[in-house]
Amino acid sequence: KYKVQGMSLPSLFKKLDLEKIDLLKLDIEGAEYNLLDAININDLDKVDQIFIEFHHHAIPEFSQLDTKKSVKRISSFGFKYFTFDYHNYLFFK
């Protein structure tokens, strides 16, 4: 384990002075679940695509059920998705 500084998506937009993100890639070693639980539909309004590597296979606290829950949540915000392996997902509008 190690500690890293994190930030919310609204903070990222503000810090980088972004109007829009074409492709957001999340590969954050299990922290994706907490991040995705904390977002709302407005946080993703200005994001066209999201590529997420889910780590239910590597982090004991999370299961494939947690991944399915996160996929369903993002889909409810108007994103469609594609996956080959049920670990890596591309979400798009």
Protein backbone atom coordinates (compact mmCIF):
# COMPACT_ATOMS: atom_id res chain seq x y z
CA LYS A 1 0.00 0.00 0.00
CA TYR A 2 1.00 3.56 -0.58
CA LYS A 3 -0.67 6.94 -0.33
CA VAL A 4 -1.25 9.24 -3.27
CA GLN A 5 -3.03 12.53 -3.60
CA GLY A 6 -6.34 12.23 -5.43
CA MET A 7 -8.80 14.71 -6.82
CA SER A 8 -12.37 14.78 -7.99
CA LEU A 9 -13.31 15.20 -11.64
CA PRO A 10 -14.63 18.75 -11.06
CA SER A 11 -11.27 19.59 -9.42
CA LEU A 12 -9.43 18.20 -12.44
CA PHE A 13 -11.45 20.38 -14.81
CA LYS A 14 -10.75 23.42 -12.66
CA LYS A 15 -7.05 22.74 -12.08
CA LEU A 16 -6.35 22.20 -15.80
CA ASP A 17 -8.83 24.88 -16.94
CA LEU A 18 -10.66 22.41 -19.17
CA GLU A 19 -13.90 23.00 -21.01
CA LYS A 20 -14.19 19.42 -22.28
CA ILE A 21 -12.39 16.07 -22.17
CA ASP A 22 -12.43 13.95 -25.33
CA LEU A 23 -11.03 10.82 -23.69
CA LEU A 24 -10.57 10.24 -19.97
CA LYS A 25 -8.53 7.18 -18.99
CA LEU A 26 -8.83 5.76 -15.49
CA ASP A 27 -6.30 3.16 -14.42
CA ILE A 28 -6.10 3.84 -10.71
CA GLU A 29 -5.48 0.41 -9.23
CA GLY A 30 -8.77 -0.17 -7.43
CA ALA A 31 -9.56 3.44 -6.53
CA GLU A 32 -11.90 3.60 -9.54
CA TYR A 33 -14.74 2.18 -7.45
CA ASN A 34 -14.69 4.99 -4.87
CA LEU A 35 -14.24 7.63 -7.56
CA LEU A 36 -17.17 6.31 -9.59
CA ASP A 37 -19.39 6.06 -6.50
CA ALA A 38 -18.72 9.75 -5.80
CA ILE A 39 -19.44 11.17 -9.27
CA ASN A 40 -22.75 12.43 -10.54
CA ILE A 41 -24.16 12.95 -14.01
CA ASN A 42 -22.99 16.59 -14.10
CA ASP A 43 -19.38 15.54 -13.51
CA LEU A 44 -19.41 13.63 -16.81
CA ASP A 45 -21.40 16.08 -18.93
CA LYS A 46 -18.26 17.36 -20.63
CA VAL A 47 -16.57 13.97 -21.07
CA ASP A 48 -17.10 12.23 -24.42
CA GLN A 49 -15.37 8.91 -23.75
CA ILE A 50 -14.03 7.14 -20.67
CA PHE A 51 -11.69 4.17 -20.69
CA ILE A 52 -11.61 2.37 -17.35
CA GLU A 53 -9.51 -0.56 -16.23
CA PHE A 54 -11.39 -2.23 -13.38
CA HIS A 55 -9.35 -4.14 -10.80
CA HIS A 56 -11.86 -6.57 -9.28
CA HIS A 57 -9.47 -9.36 -10.25
CA ALA A 58 -6.57 -7.85 -8.27
CA ILE A 59 -8.08 -6.07 -5.25
CA PRO A 60 -9.62 -8.40 -2.64
CA GLU A 61 -12.14 -5.79 -1.43
CA PHE A 62 -13.86 -5.65 -4.84
CA SER A 63 -15.61 -8.26 -6.94
CA GLN A 64 -16.96 -8.48 -10.45
CA LEU A 65 -20.30 -7.48 -8.93
CA ASP A 66 -18.75 -4.12 -7.96
CA THR A 67 -17.58 -3.68 -11.55
CA LYS A 68 -21.06 -4.48 -12.88
CA LYS A 69 -22.53 -1.93 -10.46
CA SER A 70 -20.08 0.75 -11.68
CA VAL A 71 -20.76 -0.08 -15.34
CA LYS A 72 -24.50 0.20 -14.74
CA ARG A 73 -24.03 3.55 -12.97
CA ILE A 74 -22.01 5.07 -15.82
CA SER A 75 -24.48 3.69 -18.35
CA SER A 76 -27.29 5.43 -16.46
CA PHE A 77 -25.55 8.73 -17.26
CA GLY A 78 -26.13 8.18 -20.99
CA PHE A 79 -22.97 6.26 -21.89
CA LYS A 80 -22.86 3.10 -23.97
CA TYR A 81 -19.97 0.72 -23.43
CA PHE A 82 -17.78 -1.89 -25.03
CA THR A 83 -15.54 -4.53 -23.44
CA PHE A 84 -13.64 -7.61 -24.59
CA ASP A 85 -12.57 -8.96 -21.22
CA TYR A 86 -14.87 -7.47 -18.52
CA HIS A 87 -11.88 -5.69 -16.97
CA ASN A 88 -11.31 -2.93 -19.51
CA TYR A 89 -14.29 -0.85 -20.61
CA LEU A 90 -14.69 1.93 -23.13
CA PHE A 91 -17.69 4.16 -22.40
CA PHE A 92 -18.90 6.52 -25.11
CA LYS A 93 -21.85 8.78 -25.90
